[in-house]
Amino acid sequence: MPIVNRIAALSDEMAAWRHDFHENPELLYEVHRTAGIVADRLREFGCDEVVTGIGRTGVVGVIRGRKSTSGKTIGLRADMDALPIEETSGVAYASKVAGKMHACGHDGHTAMLLGAAKYLAETRNFDGTAVVIFQPAEEGGAGGKAMVDDGLMTRWGIQEVYGLHNMPGLPEGHFATTPGAMLASSDSIEITVHGKGGHAGAGPHRAVDSVLIGSQIVNALQSIVARNVDPLKSAVISITMFNAGTAFNIIPETARLAGTVRTLDPDIRDLVERRIGEVADSVARAYGGSAETNYTRMYPVTINHAREAGVAAEVARDVVGADRVDERAVPLMGAEDFAFMLEARPGAFVFLGMGDGNECHHPAYIFNDNILGHGASYWVRLVEKTMPAG
């Protein structure tokens, strides 16, 4: 079954919703306007229950099927927040808010799920309950965790949960997923190096150079990936900030390093966290200084459950055909806080191809409205296929 006819008829309406969200981007948990519009639309569609304020500013809509004999409830999640980027796309509906932009397509994700909700509330051709989840603060705020912590899964009895994200570079209308790790964990590191300040020209031998120590730490950290991590596993350690010094002729007392860590395996994540602290400390002591490491875990690995990943791939094949679905996609080192929902319940995450264009988080990124129908149809078929009315 290709794109649902009724969804195709909603294409212009979904695009209009998206353009409005795009013109009025909001960051993290401050998605008050977006969440308000989403809640109003869900009420207009006739959802059986609409609840706001879940995970601070998240919205949940409940749609019950014609039957409830299956006792099954599945969750469908879209994210709503934008990014702190100045838009340069040049589209007619470009952001009206300086320094904020929907540069990751969350406006499109929200529009797709609204379209699906409208269809499901009209037809109710399924046996069970569909819960549509509109999440704030995916871009670094862990809104997914906030919603789970606020009782998302238990309050509505969600048994399975599914997520979707657009993917530039994947052909338009193609889907990709995989069982197991789909996206990496995302953690941050801060290392403070303590040395002994001194005169850079006249007395370097009486100082302990925090810049030298920091530089050696940057190099030594790469040995963790090269010599501690299994070559068949994956890890990325990137030091992206190095701050030290106040003048050209002063050896600074301290230096501060910061960066990110990505892994695709929880055990490798544990290993890397431990080794970063050990390496930084030992290098600093070897040069006569000391180092304090602050490792902050942000998003866990996004791990698809095998059965649900198979269901997602099967549904995608129904929508676009088998030749347009990759069910063994190579994992990516990007991160996604849908991982928190997959830790709470079985489920799967899929990518929907955008075709050629700028990558996500680029100031000239443009969402492809042609895929709105594919995404909404995927959501509809997922509900109808996993909870058939009979």
Protein backbone atom coordinates (compact mmCIF):
# COMPACT_ATOMS: atom_id res chain seq x y z
CA MET A 1 0.00 0.00 0.00
CA PRO A 2 1.60 3.32 -1.09
CA ILE A 3 0.99 6.75 0.42
CA VAL A 4 -2.51 6.80 1.90
CA ASN A 5 -4.90 8.76 -0.36
CA ARG A 6 -6.32 10.79 2.50
CA ILE A 7 -2.77 11.66 3.62
CA ALA A 8 -1.95 12.79 0.09
CA ALA A 9 -4.97 15.10 0.28
CA LEU A 10 -3.54 16.57 3.49
CA SER A 11 -0.18 17.42 1.90
CA ASP A 12 -0.85 21.14 1.48
CA GLU A 13 -2.24 21.42 5.00
CA MET A 14 0.78 19.64 6.48
CA ALA A 15 3.11 21.93 4.52
CA ALA A 16 1.25 24.99 5.81
CA TRP A 17 1.63 23.76 9.39
CA ARG A 18 5.31 23.16 8.84
CA HIS A 19 5.92 26.57 7.28
CA ASP A 20 4.22 28.25 10.22
CA PHE A 21 6.39 26.32 12.70
CA HIS A 22 9.43 27.15 10.60
CA GLU A 23 8.71 30.87 10.67
CA ASN A 24 8.35 30.78 14.44
CA PRO A 25 11.11 28.53 15.79
CA GLU A 26 11.48 27.90 19.53
CA LEU A 27 14.36 26.36 21.46
CA LEU A 28 14.57 23.48 23.91
CA TYR A 29 11.73 23.60 26.47
CA GLU A 30 10.54 27.07 25.40
CA VAL A 31 8.25 25.63 22.71
CA HIS A 32 5.12 27.24 24.16
CA ARG A 33 3.68 28.52 20.87
CA THR A 34 4.37 25.27 19.00
CA ALA A 35 2.99 23.09 21.79
CA GLY A 36 -0.09 25.29 22.05
CA ILE A 37 -0.83 24.96 18.33
CA VAL A 38 -0.25 21.19 18.43
CA ALA A 39 -2.64 20.81 21.37
CA ASP A 40 -5.29 22.94 19.66
CA ARG A 41 -5.04 20.91 16.46
CA LEU A 42 -5.31 17.60 18.32
CA ARG A 43 -8.46 18.83 20.06
CA GLU A 44 -9.91 19.98 16.71
CA PHE A 45 -9.19 16.54 15.25
CA GLY A 46 -11.27 14.94 18.01
CA CYS A 47 -8.55 13.12 19.93
CA ASP A 48 -9.97 11.34 22.95
CA GLU A 49 -7.49 12.97 25.29
CA VAL A 50 -5.05 15.85 24.91
CA VAL A 51 -2.60 16.58 27.72
CA THR A 52 -0.02 19.35 27.85
CA GLY A 53 2.90 19.96 30.17
CA ILE A 54 4.34 16.44 30.03
CA GLY A 55 8.10 16.78 30.39
CA ARG A 56 7.54 20.51 31.03
CA THR A 57 6.21 21.47 27.57
CA GLY A 58 5.48 18.19 25.81
CA VAL A 59 2.06 17.33 24.38
CA VAL A 60 0.34 13.93 24.33
CA GLY A 61 -2.71 13.01 22.28
CA VAL A 62 -4.67 9.78 22.73
CA ILE A 63 -6.64 8.23 19.85
CA ARG A 64 -8.64 5.09 20.52
CA GLY A 65 -9.50 2.72 17.69
CA ARG A 66 -12.93 1.40 16.79
CA LYS A 67 -12.09 -1.62 18.94
CA SER A 68 -10.02 -2.06 22.07
CA THR A 69 -10.04 -5.84 22.31
CA SER A 70 -6.32 -6.10 21.54
CA GLY A 71 -5.41 -4.20 24.70
CA LYS A 72 -2.47 -2.78 22.79
CA THR A 73 -1.11 0.78 23.00
CA ILE A 74 1.71 2.15 20.86
CA GLY A 75 3.43 5.54 20.99
CA LEU A 76 4.48 7.65 18.01
CA ARG A 77 6.96 10.43 18.76
CA ALA A 78 7.90 13.69 17.00
CA ASP A 79 10.21 16.43 18.28
CA MET A 80 9.28 20.14 18.21
CA ASP A 81 12.34 22.28 19.05
CA ALA A 82 14.61 24.32 16.78
CA LEU A 83 18.29 25.32 16.92
CA PRO A 84 20.21 28.52 17.80
CA ILE A 85 21.25 29.17 14.18
CA GLU A 86 20.84 32.25 11.96
CA GLU A 87 18.97 31.04 8.87
CA THR A 88 20.40 31.61 5.37
CA SER A 89 18.11 29.31 3.36
CA GLY A 90 16.33 32.13 1.52
CA VAL A 91 12.95 30.37 1.55
CA ALA A 92 9.80 32.53 1.59
CA TYR A 93 8.82 31.17 5.01
CA ALA A 94 12.26 31.64 6.61
CA SER A 95 12.57 32.14 10.35
CA LYS A 96 11.22 35.43 11.68
CA VAL A 97 13.20 35.03 14.91
CA ALA A 98 16.80 36.22 14.86
CA GLY A 99 19.30 33.54 15.78
CA LYS A 100 16.79 30.68 15.76
CA MET A 101 16.03 28.21 12.97
CA HIS A 102 14.46 24.84 12.33
CA ALA A 103 17.68 23.44 10.88
CA CYS A 104 17.01 19.79 11.74
CA GLY A 105 13.51 19.28 10.38
CA HIS A 106 11.62 19.04 13.65
CA ASP A 107 8.99 21.31 12.11
CA GLY A 108 8.48 18.62 9.47
CA HIS A 109 8.38 15.82 12.03
CA THR A 110 5.67 17.69 13.95
CA ALA A 111 3.63 18.32 10.78
CA MET A 112 3.85 14.66 9.73
CA LEU A 113 2.59 13.39 13.06
CA LEU A 114 -0.20 15.97 13.11
CA GLY A 115 -1.27 14.75 9.67
CA ALA A 116 -1.28 11.17 10.88
CA ALA A 117 -3.22 12.13 14.01
CA LYS A 118 -5.89 13.85 11.92
CA TYR A 119 -6.29 10.77 9.74
CA LEU A 120 -6.34 8.33 12.67
CA ALA A 121 -8.90 10.41 14.58
CA GLU A 122 -11.13 10.47 11.47
CA THR A 123 -10.91 6.79 10.54
CA ARG A 124 -10.06 4.92 13.76
CA ASN A 125 -9.52 1.82 11.66
CA PHE A 126 -7.52 -0.07 14.26
CA ASP A 127 -7.97 -2.17 17.39
CA GLY A 128 -6.13 -0.54 20.28
CA THR A 129 -4.84 2.89 21.25
CA ALA A 130 -2.44 5.22 19.46
CA VAL A 131 -0.61 7.80 21.56
CA VAL A 132 0.92 10.68 19.61
CA ILE A 133 3.87 12.25 21.45
CA PHE A 134 5.17 15.74 20.70
CA GLN A 135 8.44 16.22 22.52
CA PRO A 136 10.39 19.37 23.45
CA ALA A 137 14.14 19.81 23.90
CA GLU A 138 15.63 17.09 21.72
CA GLU A 139 18.54 19.37 20.77
CA GLY A 140 20.60 18.90 23.91
CA GLY A 141 17.89 19.27 26.55
CA ALA A 142 16.96 15.59 27.01
CA GLY A 143 13.25 16.28 26.55
CA GLY A 144 12.70 12.59 25.85
CA LYS A 145 14.00 11.71 29.30
CA ALA A 146 11.90 14.48 30.85
CA MET A 147 8.74 13.03 29.31
CA VAL A 148 9.59 9.49 30.41
CA ASP A 149 10.40 10.71 33.92
CA ASP A 150 7.04 12.51 33.94
CA GLY A 151 5.21 9.20 33.51
CA LEU A 152 4.76 9.12 29.72
CA MET A 153 4.94 5.35 29.37
CA THR A 154 3.13 4.34 32.56
CA ARG A 155 0.35 6.94 32.53
CA TRP A 156 -0.91 5.85 29.10
CA GLY A 157 0.22 2.22 29.25
CA ILE A 158 2.45 2.52 26.19
CA GLN A 159 3.83 -0.90 25.25
CA GLU A 160 5.88 -0.01 22.18
CA VAL A 161 7.27 3.33 20.96
CA TYR A 162 8.48 4.46 17.54
CA GLY A 163 10.41 7.48 16.27
CA LEU A 164 11.31 8.98 12.87
CA HIS A 165 13.88 11.49 11.62
CA ASN A 166 14.51 12.97 8.19
CA MET A 167 17.85 12.15 6.57
CA PRO A 168 19.55 14.38 3.97
CA GLY A 169 21.61 12.32 1.55
CA LEU A 170 19.27 9.32 1.70
CA PRO A 171 17.18 9.28 -1.51
CA GLU A 172 13.83 11.02 -1.26
CA GLY A 173 11.15 8.77 0.18
CA HIS A 174 13.52 5.95 1.13
CA PHE A 175 13.57 4.49 4.65
CA ALA A 176 16.47 3.11 6.66
CA THR A 177 16.62 1.32 10.00
CA THR A 178 18.45 -1.53 11.69
CA PRO A 179 18.13 -3.74 14.75
CA GLY A 180 20.57 -2.88 17.52
CA ALA A 181 22.58 0.33 17.70
CA MET A 182 21.23 2.98 15.32
CA LEU A 183 22.82 6.14 16.73
CA ALA A 184 25.62 6.85 19.19
CA SER A 185 25.66 7.94 22.78
CA SER A 186 26.57 11.60 23.29
CA ASP A 187 28.65 12.66 26.27
CA SER A 188 30.66 15.76 27.16
CA ILE A 189 34.02 16.01 28.87
CA GLU A 190 35.73 18.87 30.68
CA ILE A 191 39.33 18.57 31.85
CA THR A 192 40.93 21.18 34.08
CA VAL A 193 44.74 21.07 34.09
CA HIS A 194 46.56 22.53 37.09
CA GLY A 195 50.18 23.57 36.70
CA LYS A 196 52.33 26.34 38.16
CA GLY A 197 52.41 29.76 36.55
CA GLY A 198 55.62 31.50 35.69
CA HIS A 199 57.63 33.67 33.34
CA ALA A 200 57.50 32.18 29.86
CA GLY A 201 60.87 33.58 28.84
CA ALA A 202 62.99 34.07 31.93
CA GLY A 203 61.88 31.19 34.12
CA PRO A 204 60.02 28.38 32.32
CA HIS A 205 62.05 25.80 34.26
CA ARG A 206 60.52 27.06 37.50
CA ALA A 207 56.95 26.70 36.17
CA VAL A 208 54.72 23.72 35.41
CA ASP A 209 53.29 24.49 32.00
CA SER A 210 49.56 23.77 31.89
CA VAL A 211 49.49 24.42 28.12
CA LEU A 212 52.15 21.78 27.51
CA ILE A 213 50.30 19.32 29.74
CA GLY A 214 46.98 20.05 28.03
CA SER A 215 48.55 19.53 24.61
CA GLN A 216 49.94 16.16 25.66
CA ILE A 217 46.54 15.15 27.04
CA VAL A 218 44.85 15.99 23.72
CA ASN A 219 47.25 13.68 21.91
CA ALA A 220 47.21 10.94 24.54
CA LEU A 221 43.41 10.70 24.57
CA GLN A 222 43.49 9.43 20.98
CA SER A 223 45.40 6.37 22.17
CA ILE A 224 42.20 5.25 23.92
CA VAL A 225 40.43 4.69 20.60
CA ALA A 226 43.57 3.34 18.94
CA ARG A 227 44.74 0.99 21.68
CA ASN A 228 41.97 0.40 24.24
CA VAL A 229 38.83 0.07 22.11
CA ASP A 230 38.20 -3.16 20.21
CA PRO A 231 39.00 -2.43 16.53
CA LEU A 232 35.60 -3.88 15.58
CA LYS A 233 33.82 -1.40 17.88
CA SER A 234 33.42 2.37 17.49
CA ALA A 235 34.34 5.40 19.56
CA VAL A 236 35.05 9.05 18.88
CA ILE A 237 36.88 11.36 21.30
CA SER A 238 37.06 14.96 20.09
CA ILE A 239 38.61 17.80 22.08
CA THR A 240 36.99 20.90 20.63
CA MET A 241 37.92 23.59 23.15
CA PHE A 242 41.28 24.54 24.68
CA ASN A 243 41.37 27.67 26.83
CA ALA A 244 44.47 28.92 28.65
CA GLY A 245 46.59 32.00 29.25
CA THR A 246 46.22 35.77 29.51
CA ALA A 247 49.42 37.09 27.89
CA PHE A 248 52.14 36.01 25.47
CA ASN A 249 54.88 35.97 28.15
CA ILE A 250 53.06 34.23 31.03
CA ILE A 251 52.87 30.47 31.54
CA PRO A 252 49.30 30.02 32.78
CA GLU A 253 48.49 28.28 36.03
CA THR A 254 45.54 26.39 34.51
CA ALA A 255 44.22 25.17 31.18
CA ARG A 256 40.72 23.96 30.40
CA LEU A 257 39.84 21.40 27.73
CA ALA A 258 36.39 20.34 26.59
CA GLY A 259 34.95 18.04 23.99
CA THR A 260 32.57 15.24 23.10
CA VAL A 261 32.57 11.45 23.20
CA ARG A 262 30.49 9.15 20.99
CA THR A 263 30.13 5.37 21.23
CA LEU A 264 27.78 2.70 19.87
CA ASP A 265 28.11 0.22 22.73
CA PRO A 266 27.30 0.79 26.44
CA ASP A 267 30.36 -1.25 27.50
CA ILE A 268 32.65 0.83 25.29
CA ARG A 269 31.06 3.94 26.77
CA ASP A 270 32.03 2.74 30.27
CA LEU A 271 35.56 1.94 29.10
CA VAL A 272 36.11 5.31 27.43
CA GLU A 273 34.79 7.24 30.43
CA ARG A 274 37.17 5.42 32.77
CA ARG A 275 40.20 5.72 30.50
CA ILE A 276 39.79 9.44 29.82
CA GLY A 277 40.10 10.17 33.52
CA GLU A 278 43.04 7.81 33.92
CA VAL A 279 44.95 9.14 30.91
CA ALA A 280 44.42 12.81 31.77
CA ASP A 281 45.51 12.29 35.36
CA SER A 282 48.59 10.22 34.53
CA VAL A 283 49.81 12.59 31.79
CA ALA A 284 49.40 15.60 34.05
CA ARG A 285 51.29 13.93 36.90
CA ALA A 286 54.09 12.89 34.55
CA TYR A 287 54.70 16.59 33.82
CA GLY A 288 54.43 17.65 37.44
CA GLY A 289 50.85 18.89 37.40
CA SER A 290 47.38 17.47 37.98
CA ALA A 291 44.13 17.12 36.03
CA GLU A 292 40.49 16.94 37.04
CA THR A 293 38.07 15.28 34.61
CA ASN A 294 34.34 15.91 34.60
CA TYR A 295 32.55 13.37 32.36
CA THR A 296 28.85 14.10 31.76
CA ARG A 297 26.60 11.47 30.23
CA MET A 298 24.02 13.12 27.99
CA TYR A 299 22.19 10.79 25.56
CA PRO A 300 22.58 6.98 25.63
CA VAL A 301 23.05 4.81 22.56
CA THR A 302 19.88 4.66 20.45
CA ILE A 303 19.30 0.90 20.36
CA ASN A 304 16.46 -0.48 18.25
CA HIS A 305 14.74 -3.60 19.53
CA ALA A 306 14.98 -6.42 17.00
CA ARG A 307 11.29 -7.30 16.65
CA GLU A 308 10.15 -3.68 16.50
CA ALA A 309 12.86 -2.79 13.97
CA GLY A 310 11.50 -5.59 11.81
CA VAL A 311 7.98 -4.21 12.19
CA ALA A 312 9.16 -0.73 11.23
CA ALA A 313 10.91 -2.05 8.12
CA GLU A 314 7.84 -4.04 7.09
CA VAL A 315 5.59 -1.01 7.46
CA ALA A 316 8.02 1.13 5.47
CA ARG A 317 7.98 -1.47 2.68
CA ASP A 318 4.19 -1.24 2.62
CA VAL A 319 4.45 2.52 2.09
CA VAL A 320 7.32 2.88 -0.40
CA GLY A 321 8.17 -0.62 -1.66
CA ALA A 322 10.86 -3.11 -0.70
CA ASP A 323 13.50 -1.58 -2.99
CA ARG A 324 13.32 1.68 -1.04
CA VAL A 325 13.87 0.26 2.44
CA ASP A 326 17.26 -0.53 3.97
CA GLU A 327 16.64 -2.67 7.06
CA ARG A 328 20.35 -3.14 7.82
CA ALA A 329 21.49 0.46 7.77
CA VAL A 330 24.98 1.34 8.99
CA PRO A 331 24.76 3.09 12.40
CA LEU A 332 25.67 6.77 12.60
CA MET A 333 27.67 8.63 15.25
CA GLY A 334 25.01 11.28 15.67
CA ALA A 335 22.89 11.12 18.83
CA GLU A 336 19.17 11.22 19.56
CA ASP A 337 17.32 11.48 22.85
CA PHE A 338 14.65 9.08 21.59
CA ALA A 339 17.17 6.66 23.12
CA PHE A 340 15.61 7.36 26.53
CA MET A 341 12.22 6.19 25.25
CA LEU A 342 13.79 3.04 23.80
CA GLU A 343 15.34 2.34 27.21
CA ALA A 344 11.85 2.58 28.73
CA ARG A 345 9.94 0.51 26.14
CA PRO A 346 10.62 -1.71 23.11
CA GLY A 347 10.55 0.19 19.84
CA ALA A 348 12.44 1.38 16.79
CA PHE A 349 13.78 4.50 15.13
CA VAL A 350 13.81 5.03 11.36
CA PHE A 351 15.31 7.52 8.93
CA LEU A 352 13.24 8.96 6.08
CA GLY A 353 15.24 10.13 3.08
CA MET A 354 15.19 13.81 2.08
CA GLY A 355 17.23 13.50 -1.11
CA ASP A 356 20.11 15.84 -1.87
CA GLY A 357 20.54 18.99 0.18
CA ASN A 358 22.41 20.54 3.05
CA GLU A 359 23.01 18.48 6.15
CA CYS A 360 21.00 18.99 9.32
CA HIS A 361 22.25 21.86 11.54
CA HIS A 362 23.37 23.84 8.46
CA PRO A 363 22.12 27.47 8.21
CA ALA A 364 20.90 26.83 4.66
CA TYR A 365 19.19 23.51 5.44
CA ILE A 366 15.80 23.15 3.72
CA PHE A 367 13.28 20.48 4.66
CA ASN A 368 11.80 18.62 1.67
CA ASP A 369 8.00 18.96 1.84
CA ASN A 370 7.66 16.08 -0.63
CA ILE A 371 8.34 13.58 2.16
CA LEU A 372 5.56 14.77 4.47
CA GLY A 373 3.17 12.26 2.91
CA HIS A 374 5.67 9.43 3.26
CA GLY A 375 6.17 10.17 6.95
CA ALA A 376 2.49 10.56 7.78
CA SER A 377 1.62 7.41 5.83
CA TYR A 378 4.30 5.50 7.73
CA TRP A 379 2.72 6.53 11.03
CA VAL A 380 -0.77 5.59 9.84
CA ARG A 381 0.26 2.21 8.49
CA LEU A 382 2.27 1.49 11.64
CA VAL A 383 -0.87 1.90 13.74
CA GLU A 384 -3.15 0.01 11.37
CA LYS A 385 -0.68 -2.84 10.80
CA THR A 386 0.38 -3.40 14.41
CA MET A 387 -3.19 -3.08 15.71
CA PRO A 388 -5.39 -4.36 12.86
CA ALA A 389 -9.11 -3.82 13.20
CA GLY A 390 -9.89 -7.21 11.66
